[in-house]
Amino acid sequence: MTGSCILSHLGRVAIVIHQECWFAGELAGTCDNTTTHTAANGDKLYGTWHSAVGENLSDGCNATFTGRGDYAGGTGRFAGATGGSAATGTASCDPATGAYTGEYTTAGTISY
């Protein structure tokens, strides 16, 4: 996924998210992702995100999610970054195209 968001102390950043979610079987409701936030000056902040079994729901097109994120390093001013956050959000698809849109809110700390 790609998009943009606004993070305190970073401003508007571009995001690239690689995510896998399971909505059936023993891992139902679990998601894992890696995220790269790129600040306007090109500095990157790297993060991972995980949710436990049952924390996420989907009807095949609409989803709600929650989980815990951790920040670990990056480039430029974020080279030694550490921290974490909790996130909640929603996503929905366009049945005609299969494209998803979503939004999330996260709150936590980042030290760099």
PDB file of N, CA and C in Angstrom:
ATOM      1  N   MET A   1       0.845  -1.158   0.000  1.00  0.00           N
ATOM      2  CA  MET A   1       0.000   0.000   0.000  1.00  0.00           C
ATOM      3  C   MET A   1       0.897   1.231   0.000  1.00  0.00           C
ATOM      4  N   THR A   2       0.394   2.270  -0.590  1.00  0.00           N
ATOM      5  CA  THR A   2       1.102   3.540  -0.565  1.00  0.00           C
ATOM      6  C   THR A   2       0.119   4.636  -0.164  1.00  0.00           C
ATOM      7  N   GLY A   3       0.647   5.704   0.383  1.00  0.00           N
ATOM      8  CA  GLY A   3      -0.217   6.812   0.766  1.00  0.00           C
ATOM      9  C   GLY A   3       0.585   7.898   1.430  1.00  0.00           C
ATOM     10  N   SER A   4      -0.117   8.744   2.154  1.00  0.00           N
ATOM     11  CA  SER A   4       0.536   9.806   2.901  1.00  0.00           C
ATOM     12  C   SER A   4      -0.177   9.950   4.237  1.00  0.00           C
ATOM     13  N   CYS A   5       0.548  10.502   5.192  1.00  0.00           N
ATOM     14  CA  CYS A   5      -0.039  10.748   6.505  1.00  0.00           C
ATOM     15  C   CYS A   5       0.699  11.914   7.143  1.00  0.00           C
ATOM     16  N   ILE A   6       0.168  12.378   8.237  1.00  0.00           N
ATOM     17  CA  ILE A   6       0.805  13.437   9.002  1.00  0.00           C
ATOM     18  C   ILE A   6       1.154  12.874  10.362  1.00  0.00           C
ATOM     19  N   LEU A   7       2.433  12.942  10.704  1.00  0.00           N
ATOM     20  CA  LEU A   7       2.914  12.488  12.003  1.00  0.00           C
ATOM     21  C   LEU A   7       3.513  13.680  12.744  1.00  0.00           C
ATOM     22  N   SER A   8       3.185  13.814  14.032  1.00  0.00           N
ATOM     23  CA  SER A   8       3.758  14.891  14.833  1.00  0.00           C
ATOM     24  C   SER A   8       5.276  14.829  14.742  1.00  0.00           C
ATOM     25  N   HIS A   9       5.914  15.947  14.644  1.00  0.00           N
ATOM     26  CA  HIS A   9       7.363  16.105  14.574  1.00  0.00           C
ATOM     27  C   HIS A   9       7.958  15.691  13.234  1.00  0.00           C
ATOM     28  N   LEU A  10       7.186  15.011  12.373  1.00  0.00           N
ATOM     29  CA  LEU A  10       7.683  14.651  11.044  1.00  0.00           C
ATOM     30  C   LEU A  10       6.954  15.431   9.964  1.00  0.00           C
ATOM     31  N   GLY A  11       5.722  15.848  10.236  1.00  0.00           N
ATOM     32  CA  GLY A  11       4.907  16.518   9.239  1.00  0.00           C
ATOM     33  C   GLY A  11       4.293  15.511   8.282  1.00  0.00           C
ATOM     34  N   ARG A  12       3.977  15.965   7.076  1.00  0.00           N
ATOM     35  CA  ARG A  12       3.395  15.072   6.064  1.00  0.00           C
ATOM     36  C   ARG A  12       4.498  14.159   5.550  1.00  0.00           C
ATOM     37  N   VAL A  13       4.228  12.865   5.569  1.00  0.00           N
ATOM     38  CA  VAL A  13       5.181  11.878   5.086  1.00  0.00           C
ATOM     39  C   VAL A  13       4.503  10.958   4.080  1.00  0.00           C
ATOM     40  N   ALA A  14       5.298  10.419   3.181  1.00  0.00           N
ATOM     41  CA  ALA A  14       4.828   9.371   2.272  1.00  0.00           C
ATOM     42  C   ALA A  14       5.020   8.040   2.998  1.00  0.00           C
ATOM     43  N   ILE A  15       4.072   7.112   2.830  1.00  0.00           N
ATOM     44  CA  ILE A  15       4.201   5.803   3.462  1.00  0.00           C
ATOM     45  C   ILE A  15       4.102   4.704   2.418  1.00  0.00           C
ATOM     46  N   VAL A  16       4.885   3.661   2.644  1.00  0.00           N
ATOM     47  CA  VAL A  16       4.800   2.433   1.861  1.00  0.00           C
ATOM     48  C   VAL A  16       4.647   1.309   2.876  1.00  0.00           C
ATOM     49  N   ILE A  17       3.559   0.548   2.753  1.00  0.00           N
ATOM     50  CA  ILE A  17       3.248  -0.519   3.707  1.00  0.00           C
ATOM     51  C   ILE A  17       3.153  -1.845   2.958  1.00  0.00           C
ATOM     52  N   HIS A  18       3.875  -2.841   3.468  1.00  0.00           N
ATOM     53  CA  HIS A  18       3.750  -4.220   2.983  1.00  0.00           C
ATOM     54  C   HIS A  18       3.043  -4.984   4.091  1.00  0.00           C
ATOM     55  N   GLN A  19       1.846  -5.499   3.807  1.00  0.00           N
ATOM     56  CA  GLN A  19       1.021  -6.078   4.871  1.00  0.00           C
ATOM     57  C   GLN A  19       0.425  -7.417   4.467  1.00  0.00           C
ATOM     58  N   GLU A  20       0.372  -8.306   5.432  1.00  0.00           N
ATOM     59  CA  GLU A  20      -0.325  -9.581   5.287  1.00  0.00           C
ATOM     60  C   GLU A  20      -1.319  -9.706   6.422  1.00  0.00           C
ATOM     61  N   CYS A  21      -2.551 -10.093   6.081  1.00  0.00           N
ATOM     62  CA  CYS A  21      -3.603 -10.307   7.077  1.00  0.00           C
ATOM     63  C   CYS A  21      -4.238 -11.665   6.845  1.00  0.00           C
ATOM     64  N   TRP A  22      -4.646 -12.287   7.937  1.00  0.00           N
ATOM     65  CA  TRP A  22      -5.329 -13.571   7.880  1.00  0.00           C
ATOM     66  C   TRP A  22      -6.682 -13.413   8.558  1.00  0.00           C
ATOM     67  N   PHE A  23      -7.745 -13.778   7.846  1.00  0.00           N
ATOM     68  CA  PHE A  23      -9.094 -13.634   8.393  1.00  0.00           C
ATOM     69  C   PHE A  23      -9.796 -14.981   8.544  1.00  0.00           C
ATOM     70  N   ALA A  24      -9.064 -16.061   8.406  1.00  0.00           N
ATOM     71  CA  ALA A  24      -9.625 -17.403   8.591  1.00  0.00           C
ATOM     72  C   ALA A  24      -8.546 -18.288   9.199  1.00  0.00           C
ATOM     73  N   GLY A  25      -8.966 -19.408   9.763  1.00  0.00           N
ATOM     74  CA  GLY A  25      -8.025 -20.365  10.328  1.00  0.00           C
ATOM     75  C   GLY A  25      -7.489 -19.948  11.678  1.00  0.00           C
ATOM     76  N   GLU A  26      -6.425 -20.606  12.084  1.00  0.00           N
ATOM     77  CA  GLU A  26      -5.896 -20.380  13.433  1.00  0.00           C
ATOM     78  C   GLU A  26      -5.292 -18.996  13.621  1.00  0.00           C
ATOM     79  N   LEU A  27      -4.958 -18.295  12.533  1.00  0.00           N
ATOM     80  CA  LEU A  27      -4.416 -16.935  12.629  1.00  0.00           C
ATOM     81  C   LEU A  27      -5.470 -15.863  12.366  1.00  0.00           C
ATOM     82  N   ALA A  28      -6.738 -16.225  12.366  1.00  0.00           N
ATOM     83  CA  ALA A  28      -7.815 -15.289  12.021  1.00  0.00           C
ATOM     84  C   ALA A  28      -7.720 -14.000  12.829  1.00  0.00           C
ATOM     85  N   GLY A  29      -7.740 -12.886  12.119  1.00  0.00           N
ATOM     86  CA  GLY A  29      -7.694 -11.581  12.754  1.00  0.00           C
ATOM     87  C   GLY A  29      -6.299 -11.038  12.970  1.00  0.00           C
ATOM     88  N   THR A  30      -5.286 -11.732  12.463  1.00  0.00           N
ATOM     89  CA  THR A  30      -3.897 -11.316  12.639  1.00  0.00           C
ATOM     90  C   THR A  30      -3.406 -10.564  11.406  1.00  0.00           C
ATOM     91  N   CYS A  31      -2.632  -9.514  11.632  1.00  0.00           N
ATOM     92  CA  CYS A  31      -1.963  -8.799  10.539  1.00  0.00           C
ATOM     93  C   CYS A  31      -0.524  -8.496  10.953  1.00  0.00           C
ATOM     94  N   ASP A  32       0.365  -8.507   9.987  1.00  0.00           N
ATOM     95  CA  ASP A  32       1.759  -8.103  10.169  1.00  0.00           C
ATOM     96  C   ASP A  32       2.128  -7.192   9.013  1.00  0.00           C
ATOM     97  N   ASN A  33       2.895  -6.152   9.295  1.00  0.00           N
ATOM     98  CA  ASN A  33       3.370  -5.319   8.200  1.00  0.00           C
ATOM     99  C   ASN A  33       4.710  -4.693   8.500  1.00  0.00           C
ATOM    100  N   THR A  34       5.340  -4.219   7.450  1.00  0.00           N
ATOM    101  CA  THR A  34       6.516  -3.367   7.561  1.00  0.00           C
ATOM    102  C   THR A  34       6.143  -2.056   6.874  1.00  0.00           C
ATOM    103  N   THR A  35       6.601  -0.954   7.451  1.00  0.00           N
ATOM    104  CA  THR A  35       6.241   0.364   6.949  1.00  0.00           C
ATOM    105  C   THR A  35       7.487   1.223   6.823  1.00  0.00           C
ATOM    106  N   THR A  36       7.553   1.980   5.740  1.00  0.00           N
ATOM    107  CA  THR A  36       8.579   3.000   5.571  1.00  0.00           C
ATOM    108  C   THR A  36       7.880   4.345   5.451  1.00  0.00           C
ATOM    109  N   HIS A  37       8.217   5.256   6.379  1.00  0.00           N
ATOM    110  CA  HIS A  37       7.719   6.634   6.338  1.00  0.00           C
ATOM    111  C   HIS A  37       8.844   7.490   5.757  1.00  0.00           C
ATOM    112  N   THR A  38       8.562   8.253   4.712  1.00  0.00           N
ATOM    113  CA  THR A  38       9.582   9.113   4.105  1.00  0.00           C
ATOM    114  C   THR A  38       9.191  10.569   4.296  1.00  0.00           C
ATOM    115  N   ALA A  39      10.023  11.298   5.042  1.00  0.00           N
ATOM    116  CA  ALA A  39       9.788  12.718   5.311  1.00  0.00           C
ATOM    117  C   ALA A  39      10.047  13.544   4.052  1.00  0.00           C
ATOM    118  N   ALA A  40       9.626  14.787   4.072  1.00  0.00           N
ATOM    119  CA  ALA A  40       9.760  15.675   2.913  1.00  0.00           C
ATOM    120  C   ALA A  40      11.216  15.810   2.460  1.00  0.00           C
ATOM    121  N   ASN A  41      12.174  15.748   3.388  1.00  0.00           N
ATOM    122  CA  ASN A  41      13.584  15.896   3.014  1.00  0.00           C
ATOM    123  C   ASN A  41      14.220  14.572   2.586  1.00  0.00           C
ATOM    124  N   GLY A  42      13.437  13.475   2.553  1.00  0.00           N
ATOM    125  CA  GLY A  42      13.955  12.177   2.122  1.00  0.00           C
ATOM    126  C   GLY A  42      14.369  11.249   3.250  1.00  0.00           C
ATOM    127  N   ASP A  43      14.451  11.747   4.492  1.00  0.00           N
ATOM    128  CA  ASP A  43      14.782  10.874   5.622  1.00  0.00           C
ATOM    129  C   ASP A  43      13.701   9.816   5.783  1.00  0.00           C
ATOM    130  N   LYS A  44      14.102   8.584   6.082  1.00  0.00           N
ATOM    131  CA  LYS A  44      13.165   7.472   6.213  1.00  0.00           C
ATOM    132  C   LYS A  44      13.127   6.969   7.653  1.00  0.00           C
ATOM    133  N   LEU A  45      11.929   6.593   8.104  1.00  0.00           N
ATOM    134  CA  LEU A  45      11.699   5.976   9.404  1.00  0.00           C
ATOM    135  C   LEU A  45      11.097   4.605   9.149  1.00  0.00           C
ATOM    136  N   TYR A  46      11.721   3.551   9.704  1.00  0.00           N
ATOM    137  CA  TYR A  46      11.263   2.185   9.474  1.00  0.00           C
ATOM    138  C   TYR A  46      10.462   1.676  10.668  1.00  0.00           C
ATOM    139  N   GLY A  47       9.390   0.942  10.367  1.00  0.00           N
ATOM    140  CA  GLY A  47       8.566   0.386  11.435  1.00  0.00           C
ATOM    141  C   GLY A  47       7.994  -0.972  11.061  1.00  0.00           C
ATOM    142  N   THR A  48       7.558  -1.674  12.072  1.00  0.00           N
ATOM    143  CA  THR A  48       6.819  -2.926  11.898  1.00  0.00           C
ATOM    144  C   THR A  48       5.542  -2.807  12.707  1.00  0.00           C
ATOM    145  N   TRP A  49       4.547  -3.586  12.372  1.00  0.00           N
ATOM    146  CA  TRP A  49       3.259  -3.535  13.048  1.00  0.00           C
ATOM    147  C   TRP A  49       2.722  -4.946  13.150  1.00  0.00           C
ATOM    148  N   HIS A  50       2.105  -5.269  14.270  1.00  0.00           N
ATOM    149  CA  HIS A  50       1.558  -6.611  14.481  1.00  0.00           C
ATOM    150  C   HIS A  50       0.256  -6.505  15.265  1.00  0.00           C
ATOM    151  N   SER A  51      -0.673  -7.375  14.913  1.00  0.00           N
ATOM    152  CA  SER A  51      -1.893  -7.519  15.705  1.00  0.00           C
ATOM    153  C   SER A  51      -2.052  -8.988  16.060  1.00  0.00           C
ATOM    154  N   ALA A  52      -2.628  -9.223  17.193  1.00  0.00           N
ATOM    155  CA  ALA A  52      -2.811 -10.586  17.697  1.00  0.00           C
ATOM    156  C   ALA A  52      -4.069 -11.223  17.116  1.00  0.00           C
ATOM    157  N   VAL A  53      -4.173 -12.514  17.283  1.00  0.00           N
ATOM    158  CA  VAL A  53      -5.342 -13.264  16.814  1.00  0.00           C
ATOM    159  C   VAL A  53      -6.615 -12.590  17.324  1.00  0.00           C
ATOM    160  N   GLY A  54      -7.566 -12.357  16.423  1.00  0.00           N
ATOM    161  CA  GLY A  54      -8.857 -11.791  16.780  1.00  0.00           C
ATOM    162  C   GLY A  54      -8.934 -10.286  16.850  1.00  0.00           C
ATOM    163  N   GLU A  55      -7.822  -9.576  16.658  1.00  0.00           N
ATOM    164  CA  GLU A  55      -7.855  -8.117  16.775  1.00  0.00           C
ATOM    165  C   GLU A  55      -8.403  -7.412  15.537  1.00  0.00           C
ATOM    166  N   ASN A  56      -8.481  -8.096  14.414  1.00  0.00           N
ATOM    167  CA  ASN A  56      -8.933  -7.491  13.167  1.00  0.00           C
ATOM    168  C   ASN A  56     -10.114  -8.266  12.612  1.00  0.00           C
ATOM    169  N   LEU A  57     -11.039  -7.533  11.999  1.00  0.00           N
ATOM    170  CA  LEU A  57     -12.231  -8.154  11.430  1.00  0.00           C
ATOM    171  C   LEU A  57     -12.398  -7.707   9.987  1.00  0.00           C
ATOM    172  N   SER A  58     -12.910  -8.599   9.127  1.00  0.00           N
ATOM    173  CA  SER A  58     -13.182  -8.251   7.748  1.00  0.00           C
ATOM    174  C   SER A  58     -14.390  -9.024   7.250  1.00  0.00           C
ATOM    175  N   ASP A  59     -15.196  -8.361   6.416  1.00  0.00           N
ATOM    176  CA  ASP A  59     -16.306  -9.052   5.751  1.00  0.00           C
ATOM    177  C   ASP A  59     -15.941  -9.355   4.297  1.00  0.00           C
ATOM    178  N   GLY A  60     -14.667  -9.245   3.963  1.00  0.00           N
ATOM    179  CA  GLY A  60     -14.198  -9.476   2.602  1.00  0.00           C
ATOM    180  C   GLY A  60     -13.950  -8.195   1.836  1.00  0.00           C
ATOM    181  N   CYS A  61     -14.561  -7.108   2.274  1.00  0.00           N
ATOM    182  CA  CYS A  61     -14.353  -5.822   1.608  1.00  0.00           C
ATOM    183  C   CYS A  61     -14.099  -4.702   2.614  1.00  0.00           C
ATOM    184  N   ASN A  62     -14.706  -4.783   3.769  1.00  0.00           N
ATOM    185  CA  ASN A  62     -14.521  -3.772   4.810  1.00  0.00           C
ATOM    186  C   ASN A  62     -13.780  -4.421   5.977  1.00  0.00           C
ATOM    187  N   ALA A  63     -12.868  -3.667   6.560  1.00  0.00           N
ATOM    188  CA  ALA A  63     -12.085  -4.216   7.669  1.00  0.00           C
ATOM    189  C   ALA A  63     -11.896  -3.169   8.754  1.00  0.00           C
ATOM    190  N   THR A  64     -11.793  -3.633   9.981  1.00  0.00           N
ATOM    191  CA  THR A  64     -11.366  -2.816  11.105  1.00  0.00           C
ATOM    192  C   THR A  64     -10.128  -3.481  11.678  1.00  0.00           C
ATOM    193  N   PHE A  65      -9.190  -2.674  12.148  1.00  0.00           N
ATOM    194  CA  PHE A  65      -7.956  -3.259  12.658  1.00  0.00           C
ATOM    195  C   PHE A  65      -7.406  -2.463  13.825  1.00  0.00           C
ATOM    196  N   THR A  66      -6.596  -3.140  14.603  1.00  0.00           N
ATOM    197  CA  THR A  66      -5.891  -2.536  15.720  1.00  0.00           C
ATOM    198  C   THR A  66      -4.600  -3.319  15.913  1.00  0.00           C
ATOM    199  N   GLY A  67      -3.613  -2.716  16.510  1.00  0.00           N
ATOM    200  CA  GLY A  67      -2.359  -3.420  16.742  1.00  0.00           C
ATOM    201  C   GLY A  67      -1.293  -2.519  17.315  1.00  0.00           C
ATOM    202  N   ARG A  68      -0.109  -3.064  17.426  1.00  0.00           N
ATOM    203  CA  ARG A  68       1.033  -2.401  18.045  1.00  0.00           C
ATOM    204  C   ARG A  68       2.144  -2.237  17.019  1.00  0.00           C
ATOM    205  N   GLY A  69       2.701  -1.040  16.951  1.00  0.00           N
ATOM    206  CA  GLY A  69       3.806  -0.774  16.038  1.00  0.00           C
ATOM    207  C   GLY A  69       5.087  -0.495  16.792  1.00  0.00           C
ATOM    208  N   ASP A  70       6.196  -0.845  16.180  1.00  0.00           N
ATOM    209  CA  ASP A  70       7.523  -0.558  16.730  1.00  0.00           C
ATOM    210  C   ASP A  70       8.354   0.133  15.661  1.00  0.00           C
ATOM    211  N   TYR A  71       9.120   1.159  16.058  1.00  0.00           N
ATOM    212  CA  TYR A  71       9.992   1.887  15.153  1.00  0.00           C
ATOM    213  C   TYR A  71      11.427   1.501  15.456  1.00  0.00           C
ATOM    214  N   ALA A  72      12.197   1.235  14.412  1.00  0.00           N
ATOM    215  CA  ALA A  72      13.585   0.820  14.602  1.00  0.00           C
ATOM    216  C   ALA A  72      14.434   1.314  13.445  1.00  0.00           C
ATOM    217  N   GLY A  73      15.038   2.472  13.632  1.00  0.00           N
ATOM    218  CA  GLY A  73      15.995   2.966  12.666  1.00  0.00           C
ATOM    219  C   GLY A  73      15.398   3.640  11.457  1.00  0.00           C
ATOM    220  N   GLY A  74      16.295   4.001  10.582  1.00  0.00           N
ATOM    221  CA  GLY A  74      15.926   4.674   9.357  1.00  0.00           C
ATOM    222  C   GLY A  74      17.156   5.281   8.725  1.00  0.00           C
ATOM    223  N   THR A  75      16.961   6.381   8.038  1.00  0.00           N
ATOM    224  CA  THR A  75      18.075   7.096   7.413  1.00  0.00           C
ATOM    225  C   THR A  75      18.053   8.537   7.894  1.00  0.00           C
ATOM    226  N   GLY A  76      19.157   9.246   7.679  1.00  0.00           N
ATOM    227  CA  GLY A  76      19.234  10.641   8.101  1.00  0.00           C
ATOM    228  C   GLY A  76      18.995  10.774   9.594  1.00  0.00           C
ATOM    229  N   ARG A  77      18.132  11.692   9.974  1.00  0.00           N
ATOM    230  CA  ARG A  77      17.897  11.946  11.405  1.00  0.00           C
ATOM    231  C   ARG A  77      17.240  10.772  12.124  1.00  0.00           C
ATOM    232  N   PHE A  78      16.701   9.796  11.379  1.00  0.00           N
ATOM    233  CA  PHE A  78      16.051   8.640  11.994  1.00  0.00           C
ATOM    234  C   PHE A  78      16.957   7.416  12.079  1.00  0.00           C
ATOM    235  N   ALA A  79      18.241   7.579  11.796  1.00  0.00           N
ATOM    236  CA  ALA A  79      19.164   6.436  11.761  1.00  0.00           C
ATOM    237  C   ALA A  79      19.133   5.617  13.056  1.00  0.00           C
ATOM    238  N   GLY A  80      18.985   6.236  14.201  1.00  0.00           N
ATOM    239  CA  GLY A  80      18.960   5.515  15.468  1.00  0.00           C
ATOM    240  C   GLY A  80      17.594   5.523  16.141  1.00  0.00           C
ATOM    241  N   ALA A  81      16.557   5.758  15.382  1.00  0.00           N
ATOM    242  CA  ALA A  81      15.215   5.910  15.953  1.00  0.00           C
ATOM    243  C   ALA A  81      14.739   4.639  16.663  1.00  0.00           C
ATOM    244  N   THR A  82      14.027   4.841  17.770  1.00  0.00           N
ATOM    245  CA  THR A  82      13.360   3.759  18.496  1.00  0.00           C
ATOM    246  C   THR A  82      12.016   4.284  18.973  1.00  0.00           C
ATOM    247  N   GLY A  83      11.122   3.379  19.305  1.00  0.00           N
ATOM    248  CA  GLY A  83       9.836   3.775  19.855  1.00  0.00           C
ATOM    249  C   GLY A  83       8.742   2.825  19.449  1.00  0.00           C
ATOM    250  N   GLY A  84       7.525   3.202  19.771  1.00  0.00           N
ATOM    251  CA  GLY A  84       6.400   2.356  19.444  1.00  0.00           C
ATOM    252  C   GLY A  84       5.105   3.131  19.505  1.00  0.00           C
ATOM    253  N   SER A  85       4.045   2.508  18.983  1.00  0.00           N
ATOM    254  CA  SER A  85       2.738   3.150  18.996  1.00  0.00           C
ATOM    255  C   SER A  85       1.639   2.111  18.901  1.00  0.00           C
ATOM    256  N   ALA A  86       0.455   2.528  19.259  1.00  0.00           N
ATOM    257  CA  ALA A  86      -0.747   1.708  19.087  1.00  0.00           C
ATOM    258  C   ALA A  86      -1.549   2.332  17.953  1.00  0.00           C
ATOM    259  N   ALA A  87      -2.108   1.490  17.082  1.00  0.00           N
ATOM    260  CA  ALA A  87      -2.850   1.994  15.926  1.00  0.00           C
ATOM    261  C   ALA A  87      -4.220   1.338  15.842  1.00  0.00           C
ATOM    262  N   THR A  88      -5.203   2.113  15.360  1.00  0.00           N
ATOM    263  CA  THR A  88      -6.526   1.589  15.037  1.00  0.00           C
ATOM    264  C   THR A  88      -6.935   2.200  13.712  1.00  0.00           C
ATOM    265  N   GLY A  89      -7.745   1.479  12.959  1.00  0.00           N
ATOM    266  CA  GLY A  89      -8.166   2.031  11.686  1.00  0.00           C
ATOM    267  C   GLY A  89      -9.209   1.200  10.984  1.00  0.00           C
ATOM    268  N   THR A  90      -9.529   1.659   9.776  1.00  0.00           N
ATOM    269  CA  THR A  90     -10.505   0.973   8.932  1.00  0.00           C
ATOM    270  C   THR A  90      -9.989   0.949   7.500  1.00  0.00           C
ATOM    271  N   ALA A  91     -10.492   0.009   6.734  1.00  0.00           N
ATOM    272  CA  ALA A  91     -10.204  -0.059   5.301  1.00  0.00           C
ATOM    273  C   ALA A  91     -11.448  -0.574   4.599  1.00  0.00           C
ATOM    274  N   SER A  92     -11.644  -0.143   3.365  1.00  0.00           N
ATOM    275  CA  SER A  92     -12.760  -0.648   2.573  1.00  0.00           C
ATOM    276  C   SER A  92     -12.336  -0.715   1.117  1.00  0.00           C
ATOM    277  N   CYS A  93     -12.987  -1.612   0.387  1.00  0.00           N
ATOM    278  CA  CYS A  93     -12.629  -1.783  -1.016  1.00  0.00           C
ATOM    279  C   CYS A  93     -13.729  -1.263  -1.923  1.00  0.00           C
ATOM    280  N   ASP A  94     -13.345  -1.009  -3.153  1.00  0.00           N
ATOM    281  CA  ASP A  94     -14.285  -0.705  -4.219  1.00  0.00           C
ATOM    282  C   ASP A  94     -14.525  -2.033  -4.927  1.00  0.00           C
ATOM    283  N   PRO A  95     -15.701  -2.641  -4.785  1.00  0.00           N
ATOM    284  CA  PRO A  95     -15.948  -3.957  -5.382  1.00  0.00           C
ATOM    285  C   PRO A  95     -15.709  -4.006  -6.892  1.00  0.00           C
ATOM    286  N   ALA A  96     -15.875  -2.882  -7.569  1.00  0.00           N
ATOM    287  CA  ALA A  96     -15.684  -2.856  -9.022  1.00  0.00           C
ATOM    288  C   ALA A  96     -14.218  -2.974  -9.422  1.00  0.00           C
ATOM    289  N   THR A  97     -13.318  -2.369  -8.616  1.00  0.00           N
ATOM    290  CA  THR A  97     -11.902  -2.351  -8.982  1.00  0.00           C
ATOM    291  C   THR A  97     -11.035  -3.209  -8.070  1.00  0.00           C
ATOM    292  N   GLY A  98     -11.529  -3.492  -6.859  1.00  0.00           N
ATOM    293  CA  GLY A  98     -10.715  -4.217  -5.885  1.00  0.00           C
ATOM    294  C   GLY A  98      -9.722  -3.333  -5.159  1.00  0.00           C
ATOM    295  N   ALA A  99      -9.713  -2.034  -5.456  1.00  0.00           N
ATOM    296  CA  ALA A  99      -8.802  -1.097  -4.799  1.00  0.00           C
ATOM    297  C   ALA A  99      -9.303  -0.786  -3.394  1.00  0.00           C
ATOM    298  N   TYR A 100      -8.392  -0.704  -2.452  1.00  0.00           N
ATOM    299  CA  TYR A 100      -8.728  -0.393  -1.064  1.00  0.00           C
ATOM    300  C   TYR A 100      -8.336   1.027  -0.720  1.00  0.00           C
ATOM    301  N   THR A 101      -9.105   1.643   0.158  1.00  0.00           N
ATOM    302  CA  THR A 101      -8.734   2.898   0.794  1.00  0.00           C
ATOM    303  C   THR A 101      -8.890   2.682   2.288  1.00  0.00           C
ATOM    304  N   GLY A 102      -8.132   3.427   3.056  1.00  0.00           N
ATOM    305  CA  GLY A 102      -8.223   3.255   4.491  1.00  0.00           C
ATOM    306  C   GLY A 102      -7.643   4.435   5.224  1.00  0.00           C
ATOM    307  N   GLU A 103      -7.807   4.389   6.523  1.00  0.00           N
ATOM    308  CA  GLU A 103      -7.240   5.404   7.388  1.00  0.00           C
ATOM    309  C   GLU A 103      -6.942   4.781   8.726  1.00  0.00           C
ATOM    310  N   TYR A 104      -5.985   5.374   9.416  1.00  0.00           N
ATOM    311  CA  TYR A 104      -5.650   4.878  10.745  1.00  0.00           C
ATOM    312  C   TYR A 104      -5.207   6.031  11.625  1.00  0.00           C
ATOM    313  N   THR A 105      -5.290   5.797  12.921  1.00  0.00           N
ATOM    314  CA  THR A 105      -4.812   6.734  13.918  1.00  0.00           C
ATOM    315  C   THR A 105      -3.799   5.986  14.771  1.00  0.00           C
ATOM    316  N   THR A 106      -2.704   6.640  15.052  1.00  0.00           N
ATOM    317  CA  THR A 106      -1.674   6.016  15.875  1.00  0.00           C
ATOM    318  C   THR A 106      -1.202   7.011  16.934  1.00  0.00           C
ATOM    319  N   ALA A 107      -0.879   6.503  18.099  1.00  0.00           N
ATOM    320  CA  ALA A 107      -0.352   7.352  19.174  1.00  0.00           C
ATOM    321  C   ALA A 107       0.746   6.587  19.883  1.00  0.00           C
ATOM    322  N   GLY A 108       1.864   7.251  20.102  1.00  0.00           N
ATOM    323  CA  GLY A 108       2.990   6.612  20.778  1.00  0.00           C
ATOM    324  C   GLY A 108       4.158   7.569  20.871  1.00  0.00           C
ATOM    325  N   THR A 109       5.369   7.013  20.916  1.00  0.00           N
ATOM    326  CA  THR A 109       6.570   7.826  21.037  1.00  0.00           C
ATOM    327  C   THR A 109       7.634   7.357  20.045  1.00  0.00           C
ATOM    328  N   ILE A 110       8.428   8.309  19.594  1.00  0.00           N
ATOM    329  CA  ILE A 110       9.577   8.026  18.747  1.00  0.00           C
ATOM    330  C   ILE A 110      10.728   8.846  19.302  1.00  0.00           C
ATOM    331  N   SER A 111      11.858   8.197  19.553  1.00  0.00           N
ATOM    332  CA  SER A 111      13.062   8.894  19.976  1.00  0.00           C
ATOM    333  C   SER A 111      14.076   8.818  18.850  1.00  0.00           C
ATOM    334  N   TYR A 112      14.670   9.936  18.494  1.00  0.00           N
ATOM    335  CA  TYR A 112      15.696   9.959  17.442  1.00  0.00           C
ATOM    336  C   TYR A 112      16.680  11.077  17.676  1.00  0.00           C
TER     337      TYR A 112
END
